[in-house]
C-alpha atoms as a PDB file:
ATOM      1  CA  UNK A   1      57.694  79.663 105.694  1.00  0.00           C
ATOM      2  CA  UNK A   2      57.036  75.995 105.214  1.00  0.00           C
ATOM      3  CA  UNK A   3      59.586  75.050 102.545  1.00  0.00           C
ATOM      4  CA  UNK A   4      62.975  75.935 101.155  1.00  0.00           C
ATOM      5  CA  UNK A   5      61.206  77.413  98.123  1.00  0.00           C
ATOM      6  CA  UNK A   6      59.276  79.807 100.352  1.00  0.00           C
ATOM      7  CA  UNK A   7      62.465  80.714 102.219  1.00  0.00           C
ATOM      8  CA  UNK A   8      64.209  81.528  98.929  1.00  0.00           C
ATOM      9  CA  UNK A   9      61.260  83.634  97.776  1.00  0.00           C
ATOM     10  CA  UNK A  10      61.260  85.567 101.060  1.00  0.00           C
ATOM     11  CA  UNK A  11      64.998  86.150 100.777  1.00  0.00           C
ATOM     12  CA  UNK A  12      64.589  87.609  97.294  1.00  0.00           C
ATOM     13  CA  UNK A  13      61.806  89.862  98.519  1.00  0.00           C
ATOM     14  CA  UNK A  14      64.052  91.193 101.289  1.00  0.00           C
ATOM     15  CA  UNK A  15      66.949  91.700  98.851  1.00  0.00           C
ATOM     16  CA  UNK A  16      64.661  93.489  96.398  1.00  0.00           C
ATOM     17  CA  UNK A  17      63.591  95.854  99.171  1.00  0.00           C
ATOM     18  CA  UNK A  18      67.255  96.596  99.963  1.00  0.00           C
ATOM     19  CA  UNK A  19      68.002  97.129  96.274  1.00  0.00           C
ATOM     20  CA  UNK A  20      65.091  99.564  95.955  1.00  0.00           C
ATOM     21  CA  UNK A  21      66.341 101.514  98.975  1.00  0.00           C
ATOM     22  CA  UNK A  22      69.814 101.874  97.483  1.00  0.00           C
ATOM     23  CA  UNK A  23      68.570 102.800  94.019  1.00  0.00           C
ATOM     24  CA  UNK A  24      66.289 105.451  95.491  1.00  0.00           C
ATOM     25  CA  UNK A  25      69.411 106.906  97.127  1.00  0.00           C
ATOM     26  CA  UNK A  26      71.164 107.049  93.733  1.00  0.00           C
ATOM     27  CA  UNK A  27      73.110 103.771  93.611  1.00  0.00           C
ATOM     28  CA  UNK A  28      73.270 102.213  90.132  1.00  0.00           C
ATOM     29  CA  UNK A  29      72.694  98.449  90.283  1.00  0.00           C
ATOM     30  CA  UNK A  30      73.300  96.578  87.040  1.00  0.00           C
ATOM     31  CA  UNK A  31      70.578  94.086  87.992  1.00  0.00           C
ATOM     32  CA  UNK A  32      68.631  94.394  91.274  1.00  0.00           C
ATOM     33  CA  UNK A  33      67.723  90.706  91.044  1.00  0.00           C
ATOM     34  CA  UNK A  34      71.394  89.664  91.230  1.00  0.00           C
ATOM     35  CA  UNK A  35      72.518  91.457  94.370  1.00  0.00           C
ATOM     36  CA  UNK A  36      72.834  90.371  98.025  1.00  0.00           C
ATOM     37  CA  UNK A  37      73.334  92.301 101.258  1.00  0.00           C
ATOM     38  CA  UNK A  38      73.967  90.049 104.253  1.00  0.00           C
ATOM     39  CA  UNK A  39      74.668  92.746 106.797  1.00  0.00           C
ATOM     40  CA  UNK A  40      74.706  96.511 106.273  1.00  0.00           C
ATOM     41  CA  UNK A  41      75.739  98.433 103.183  1.00  0.00           C
ATOM     42  CA  UNK A  42      76.247 102.213 103.198  1.00  0.00           C
ATOM     43  CA  UNK A  43      76.815 103.965  99.887  1.00  0.00           C
ATOM     44  CA  UNK A  44      77.863 107.470  98.901  1.00  0.00           C
ATOM     45  CA  UNK A  45      76.941 109.251  95.691  1.00  0.00           C
ATOM     46  CA  UNK A  46      77.383 107.834  92.182  1.00  0.00           C
ATOM     47  CA  UNK A  47      78.178 104.289  93.317  1.00  0.00           C
ATOM     48  CA  UNK A  48      77.968 101.537  90.679  1.00  0.00           C
ATOM     49  CA  UNK A  49      77.541  97.848  91.547  1.00  0.00           C
ATOM     50  CA  UNK A  50      77.633  95.163  88.864  1.00  0.00           C
ATOM     51  CA  UNK A  51      75.870  91.795  88.961  1.00  0.00           C
ATOM     52  CA  UNK A  52      76.439  88.941  91.403  1.00  0.00           C
ATOM     53  CA  UNK A  53      78.018  90.964  94.227  1.00  0.00           C
ATOM     54  CA  UNK A  54      77.653  89.939  97.880  1.00  0.00           C
ATOM     55  CA  UNK A  55      78.135  92.329 100.811  1.00  0.00           C
ATOM     56  CA  UNK A  56      78.569  90.858 104.300  1.00  0.00           C
ATOM     57  CA  UNK A  57      79.094  92.386 107.732  1.00  0.00           C
ATOM     58  CA  UNK A  58      79.453  96.178 107.613  1.00  0.00           C
ATOM     59  CA  UNK A  59      80.508  97.609 104.265  1.00  0.00           C
ATOM     60  CA  UNK A  60      80.886 101.300 103.450  1.00  0.00           C
ATOM     61  CA  UNK A  61      81.313 102.491  99.850  1.00  0.00           C
ATOM     62  CA  UNK A  62      82.368 106.108  99.330  1.00  0.00           C
ATOM     63  CA  UNK A  63      81.386 108.452  96.514  1.00  0.00           C
ATOM     64  CA  UNK A  64      82.097 107.378  92.924  1.00  0.00           C
ATOM     65  CA  UNK A  65      83.056 103.812  93.864  1.00  0.00           C
ATOM     66  CA  UNK A  66      82.692 101.089  91.223  1.00  0.00           C
ATOM     67  CA  UNK A  67      82.285  97.412  92.136  1.00  0.00           C
ATOM     68  CA  UNK A  68      82.768  94.943  89.284  1.00  0.00           C
ATOM     69  CA  UNK A  69      80.807  91.708  88.827  1.00  0.00           C
ATOM     70  CA  UNK A  70      80.904  88.773  91.228  1.00  0.00           C
ATOM     71  CA  UNK A  71      82.789  90.416  94.078  1.00  0.00           C
ATOM     72  CA  UNK A  72      82.427  89.421  97.735  1.00  0.00           C
ATOM     73  CA  UNK A  73      83.118  92.230 100.213  1.00  0.00           C
ATOM     74  CA  UNK A  74      82.960  91.755 103.974  1.00  0.00           C
ATOM     75  CA  UNK A  75      83.674  94.235 106.790  1.00  0.00           C
ATOM     76  CA  UNK A  76      85.444  96.812 104.657  1.00  0.00           C
ATOM     77  CA  UNK A  77      85.556 100.513 103.816  1.00  0.00           C
ATOM     78  CA  UNK A  78      86.081 101.482 100.170  1.00  0.00           C
ATOM     79  CA  UNK A  79      86.926 105.158  99.846  1.00  0.00           C
ATOM     80  CA  UNK A  80      86.068 107.746  97.196  1.00  0.00           C
ATOM     81  CA  UNK A  81      86.800 106.870  93.586  1.00  0.00           C
ATOM     82  CA  UNK A  82      88.152 103.367  94.240  1.00  0.00           C
ATOM     83  CA  UNK A  83      87.614 100.652  91.625  1.00  0.00           C
ATOM     84  CA  UNK A  84      87.103  96.997  92.551  1.00  0.00           C
ATOM     85  CA  UNK A  85      87.364  94.764  89.480  1.00  0.00           C
ATOM     86  CA  UNK A  86      85.598  91.472  88.833  1.00  0.00           C
ATOM     87  CA  UNK A  87      85.802  88.459  91.131  1.00  0.00           C
ATOM     88  CA  UNK A  88      87.683  90.204  93.922  1.00  0.00           C
ATOM     89  CA  UNK A  89      87.321  88.901  97.490  1.00  0.00           C
ATOM     90  CA  UNK A  90      87.696  91.339 100.391  1.00  0.00           C
ATOM     91  CA  UNK A  91      87.350  89.911 103.919  1.00  0.00           C
ATOM     92  CA  UNK A  92      88.192  92.481 106.572  1.00  0.00           C
ATOM     93  CA  UNK A  93      87.253  90.189 109.444  1.00  0.00           C
ATOM     94  CA  UNK A  94      87.538  91.552 112.973  1.00  0.00           C
ATOM     95  CA  UNK A  95      90.439  93.840 111.986  1.00  0.00           C
ATOM     96  CA  UNK A  96      88.591  95.309 109.012  1.00  0.00           C
ATOM     97  CA  UNK A  97      89.975  96.321 105.638  1.00  0.00           C
ATOM     98  CA  UNK A  98      90.278  99.741 104.014  1.00  0.00           C
ATOM     99  CA  UNK A  99      90.773 100.572 100.341  1.00  0.00           C
ATOM    100  CA  UNK A 100      91.996 104.134  99.884  1.00  0.00           C
ATOM    101  CA  UNK A 101      90.716 106.829  97.530  1.00  0.00           C
ATOM    102  CA  UNK A 102      91.380 106.193  93.871  1.00  0.00           C
ATOM    103  CA  UNK A 103      92.812 102.731  94.492  1.00  0.00           C
ATOM    104  CA  UNK A 104      92.247  99.903  92.000  1.00  0.00           C
ATOM    105  CA  UNK A 105      91.918  96.286  93.097  1.00  0.00           C
ATOM    106  CA  UNK A 106      91.529  93.122  91.032  1.00  0.00           C
ATOM    107  CA  UNK A 107      90.377  91.324  89.091  1.00  0.00           C
ATOM    108  CA  UNK A 108      90.771  88.103  91.089  1.00  0.00           C
ATOM    109  CA  UNK A 109      92.484  89.753  94.066  1.00  0.00           C
ATOM    110  CA  UNK A 110      92.144  88.713  97.712  1.00  0.00           C
ATOM    111  CA  UNK A 111      92.365  91.216 100.569  1.00  0.00           C
ATOM    112  CA  UNK A 112      92.307  89.719 104.055  1.00  0.00           C
ATOM    113  CA  UNK A 113      91.926  91.103 107.565  1.00  0.00           C
ATOM    114  CA  UNK A 114      94.048  94.110 108.437  1.00  0.00           C
ATOM    115  CA  UNK A 115      94.671  95.242 104.860  1.00  0.00           C
ATOM    116  CA  UNK A 116      95.053  99.021 104.543  1.00  0.00           C
ATOM    117  CA  UNK A 117      95.568 100.441 101.056  1.00  0.00           C
ATOM    118  CA  UNK A 118      96.579 104.084 100.599  1.00  0.00           C
ATOM    119  CA  UNK A 119      95.465 106.503  97.917  1.00  0.00           C
ATOM    120  CA  UNK A 120      96.040 105.388  94.334  1.00  0.00           C
ATOM    121  CA  UNK A 121      97.349 101.922  95.230  1.00  0.00           C
ATOM    122  CA  UNK A 122      97.201  99.275  92.486  1.00  0.00           C
ATOM    123  CA  UNK A 123      96.561  95.649  93.468  1.00  0.00           C
ATOM    124  CA  UNK A 124      96.200  93.371  90.476  1.00  0.00           C
ATOM    125  CA  UNK A 125      95.126  89.866  89.574  1.00  0.00           C
ATOM    126  CA  UNK A 126      95.983  86.950  91.856  1.00  0.00           C
ATOM    127  CA  UNK A 127      97.504  89.140  94.562  1.00  0.00           C
ATOM    128  CA  UNK A 128      96.818  88.245  98.208  1.00  0.00           C
ATOM    129  CA  UNK A 129      97.339  90.795 100.993  1.00  0.00           C
ATOM    130  CA  UNK A 130      96.953  90.129 104.711  1.00  0.00           C
ATOM    131  CA  UNK A 131      97.527  92.404 107.731  1.00  0.00           C
ATOM    132  CA  UNK A 132      99.562  94.805 105.622  1.00  0.00           C
ATOM    133  CA  UNK A 133      99.675  98.520 104.881  1.00  0.00           C
ATOM    134  CA  UNK A 134     100.492  99.855 101.399  1.00  0.00           C
ATOM    135  CA  UNK A 135     101.416 103.521 101.092  1.00  0.00           C
ATOM    136  CA  UNK A 136     100.057 105.862  98.429  1.00  0.00           C
ATOM    137  CA  UNK A 137     100.699 104.840  94.808  1.00  0.00           C
ATOM    138  CA  UNK A 138     102.310 101.507  95.740  1.00  0.00           C
ATOM    139  CA  UNK A 139     101.802  98.730  93.187  1.00  0.00           C
ATOM    140  CA  UNK A 140     101.533  94.951  93.399  1.00  0.00           C
ATOM    141  CA  UNK A 141     100.075  94.206  90.022  1.00  0.00           C
ATOM    142  CA  UNK A 142     100.064  90.421  89.723  1.00  0.00           C
ATOM    143  CA  UNK A 143     100.815  87.017  91.252  1.00  0.00           C
ATOM    144  CA  UNK A 144     102.157  88.157  94.624  1.00  0.00           C
ATOM    145  CA  UNK A 145     101.706  87.752  98.392  1.00  0.00           C
ATOM    146  CA  UNK A 146     102.140  90.418 101.069  1.00  0.00           C
ATOM    147  CA  UNK A 147     101.574  89.261 104.639  1.00  0.00           C
ATOM    148  CA  UNK A 148     102.377  91.224 107.821  1.00  0.00           C
ATOM    149  CA  UNK A 149     104.104  93.942 105.818  1.00  0.00           C
ATOM    150  CA  UNK A 150     104.485  97.707 105.898  1.00  0.00           C
ATOM    151  CA  UNK A 151     104.994  98.973 102.355  1.00  0.00           C
ATOM    152  CA  UNK A 152     105.992 102.573 101.676  1.00  0.00           C
ATOM    153  CA  UNK A 153     104.753 104.990  99.066  1.00  0.00           C
ATOM    154  CA  UNK A 154     105.420 104.321  95.362  1.00  0.00           C
ATOM    155  CA  UNK A 155     106.888 100.872  95.968  1.00  0.00           C
ATOM    156  CA  UNK A 156     106.759  98.540  92.971  1.00  0.00           C
ATOM    157  CA  UNK A 157     106.324  94.924  94.097  1.00  0.00           C
ATOM    158  CA  UNK A 158     107.158  92.427  91.359  1.00  0.00           C
ATOM    159  CA  UNK A 159     105.229  89.461  90.026  1.00  0.00           C
ATOM    160  CA  UNK A 160     105.714  86.205  91.906  1.00  0.00           C
ATOM    161  CA  UNK A 161     107.271  87.856  94.971  1.00  0.00           C
ATOM    162  CA  UNK A 162     106.232  86.925  98.514  1.00  0.00           C
ATOM    163  CA  UNK A 163     106.893  87.841 102.111  1.00  0.00           C
ATOM    164  CA  UNK A 164     107.846  84.694 104.032  1.00  0.00           C
ATOM    165  CA  UNK A 165     106.196  85.872 107.239  1.00  0.00           C
ATOM    166  CA  UNK A 166     105.683  82.583 109.132  1.00  0.00           C
ATOM    167  CA  UNK A 167     108.507  80.510 110.617  1.00  0.00           C
ATOM    168  CA  UNK A 168     106.299  77.615 111.668  1.00  0.00           C
ATOM    169  CA  UNK A 169     105.555  79.081 115.091  1.00  0.00           C
ATOM    170  CA  UNK A 170     105.381  82.881 114.868  1.00  0.00           C
ATOM    171  CA  UNK A 171     104.518  85.590 112.362  1.00  0.00           C
ATOM    172  CA  UNK A 172     107.153  88.224 111.551  1.00  0.00           C
ATOM    173  CA  UNK A 173     106.963  91.604 109.839  1.00  0.00           C
ATOM    174  CA  UNK A 174     108.509  92.920 106.633  1.00  0.00           C
ATOM    175  CA  UNK A 175     109.162  96.634 106.144  1.00  0.00           C
ATOM    176  CA  UNK A 176     109.682  98.058 102.649  1.00  0.00           C
ATOM    177  CA  UNK A 177     110.702 101.712 102.424  1.00  0.00           C
ATOM    178  CA  UNK A 178     109.270 104.269 100.038  1.00  0.00           C
ATOM    179  CA  UNK A 179     110.301 104.095  96.357  1.00  0.00           C
ATOM    180  CA  UNK A 180     111.807 100.615  96.718  1.00  0.00           C
ATOM    181  CA  UNK A 181     111.610  98.244  93.757  1.00  0.00           C
ATOM    182  CA  UNK A 182     111.148  94.520  94.407  1.00  0.00           C
ATOM    183  CA  UNK A 183     111.967  92.418  91.350  1.00  0.00           C
ATOM    184  CA  UNK A 184     109.984  89.421  90.199  1.00  0.00           C
ATOM    185  CA  UNK A 185     110.080  86.074  92.033  1.00  0.00           C
ATOM    186  CA  UNK A 186     111.701  87.387  95.200  1.00  0.00           C
ATOM    187  CA  UNK A 187     111.316  85.933  98.699  1.00  0.00           C
ATOM    188  CA  UNK A 188     111.585  88.399 101.585  1.00  0.00           C
ATOM    189  CA  UNK A 189     112.265  86.330 104.695  1.00  0.00           C
ATOM    190  CA  UNK A 190     110.818  88.203 107.676  1.00  0.00           C
ATOM    191  CA  UNK A 191     111.765  89.893 109.880  1.00  0.00           C
ATOM    192  CA  UNK A 192     113.534  92.039 107.305  1.00  0.00           C
ATOM    193  CA  UNK A 193     113.730  95.676 106.255  1.00  0.00           C
ATOM    194  CA  UNK A 194     114.188  96.945 102.704  1.00  0.00           C
ATOM    195  CA  UNK A 195     115.497 100.516 102.768  1.00  0.00           C
ATOM    196  CA  UNK A 196     113.989 103.466 100.936  1.00  0.00           C
ATOM    197  CA  UNK A 197     114.792 103.493  97.246  1.00  0.00           C
ATOM    198  CA  UNK A 198     116.416 100.063  97.390  1.00  0.00           C
ATOM    199  CA  UNK A 199     116.257  97.680  94.441  1.00  0.00           C
ATOM    200  CA  UNK A 200     116.003  93.920  94.942  1.00  0.00           C
ATOM    201  CA  UNK A 201     117.150  91.935  91.928  1.00  0.00           C
ATOM    202  CA  UNK A 202     114.685  89.447  90.477  1.00  0.00           C
ATOM    203  CA  UNK A 203     114.859  85.913  91.863  1.00  0.00           C
ATOM    204  CA  UNK A 204     116.529  86.965  95.124  1.00  0.00           C
ATOM    205  CA  UNK A 205     115.930  85.456  98.548  1.00  0.00           C
ATOM    206  CA  UNK A 206     116.511  88.258 101.050  1.00  0.00           C
ATOM    207  CA  UNK A 207     117.060  87.222 104.670  1.00  0.00           C
ATOM    208  CA  UNK A 208     119.073  90.254 105.811  1.00  0.00           C
ATOM    209  CA  UNK A 209     118.224  93.959 105.744  1.00  0.00           C
ATOM    210  CA  UNK A 210     118.838  95.617 102.367  1.00  0.00           C
ATOM    211  CA  UNK A 211     120.336  99.148 102.502  1.00  0.00           C
ATOM    212  CA  UNK A 212     118.531 102.188 101.153  1.00  0.00           C
ATOM    213  CA  UNK A 213     119.296 103.279  97.605  1.00  0.00           C
ATOM    214  CA  UNK A 214     121.363 100.213  96.695  1.00  0.00           C
ATOM    215  CA  UNK A 215     120.912  97.155  94.478  1.00  0.00           C
ATOM    216  CA  UNK A 216     120.806  93.926  96.493  1.00  0.00           C
ATOM    217  CA  UNK A 217     120.933  90.547  94.723  1.00  0.00           C
ATOM    218  CA  UNK A 218     120.938  87.122  96.372  1.00  0.00           C
ATOM    219  CA  UNK A 219     120.809  84.236  93.947  1.00  0.00           C
ATOM    220  CA  UNK A 220     123.040  81.452  92.660  1.00  0.00           C
ATOM    221  CA  UNK A 221     125.366  82.198  89.760  1.00  0.00           C
ATOM    222  CA  UNK A 222     124.105  80.850  86.431  1.00  0.00           C
ATOM    223  CA  UNK A 223     126.109  77.928  85.096  1.00  0.00           C
ATOM    224  CA  UNK A 224     126.036  75.792  81.947  1.00  0.00           C
ATOM    225  CA  UNK A 225     127.273  72.177  82.060  1.00  0.00           C
ATOM    226  CA  UNK A 226     128.737  71.278  78.648  1.00  0.00           C
ATOM    227  CA  UNK A 227     127.914  67.812  77.413  1.00  0.00           C
ATOM    228  CA  UNK A 228     125.145  67.160  79.937  1.00  0.00           C
ATOM    229  CA  UNK A 229     122.510  64.725  78.662  1.00  0.00           C
ATOM    230  CA  UNK A 230     118.921  64.551  79.786  1.00  0.00           C
ATOM    231  CA  UNK A 231     117.989  61.135  81.247  1.00  0.00           C
ATOM    232  CA  UNK A 232     115.977  58.864  78.966  1.00  0.00           C
ATOM    233  CA  UNK A 233     113.384  56.248  79.855  1.00  0.00           C
ATOM    234  CA  UNK A 234     114.565  52.688  80.258  1.00  0.00           C
ATOM    235  CA  UNK A 235     112.867  50.397  77.727  1.00  0.00           C
END
């Protein structure tokens, strides 16, 4: 190699060789010319990979896995039948990440180190998960953050809700029991435990443990101020 052009051509030759190896093993690549492996990629049967995907570190894809376009997956295991939708970023780091059988992730989701998703979990658009475990059939479908959390089976985690896991010095853990329902725009201030089957009313900031099977609400009472006038610009 004597130029950046030659380096790029050599890189494409290496990637084409990797693509041929995978296709010979039965992997369906939408376009072998738009595909990058920057580590090792192991694939089961009937795997489909769309265009523009990048695989880094060690990645394992189980049988019948589908990877949508423009995903970046690093140091992760994706189990049988899982679906990764477009523009999803998975970075398992040193702790790794695991996406359980039949789970769906994305589009535009971000899974960070230590993420463990159980069977049939749904993680939707603009959801970030870090160092957290989600039990089977749990759902966080949009616009949410789960950090340092243990989430039980069949939990529904509402849009705009977050775990406040960092106090400025230390990280703390949130535990959400099975079948709990977290309403939209909630803040769970760790360390905190939400009991099994509990319901957290939308817009609540929860800083104390919420009992199992009960509705817990923590928000200011709505008020209307008669006669209030919006400020106007001084001319």
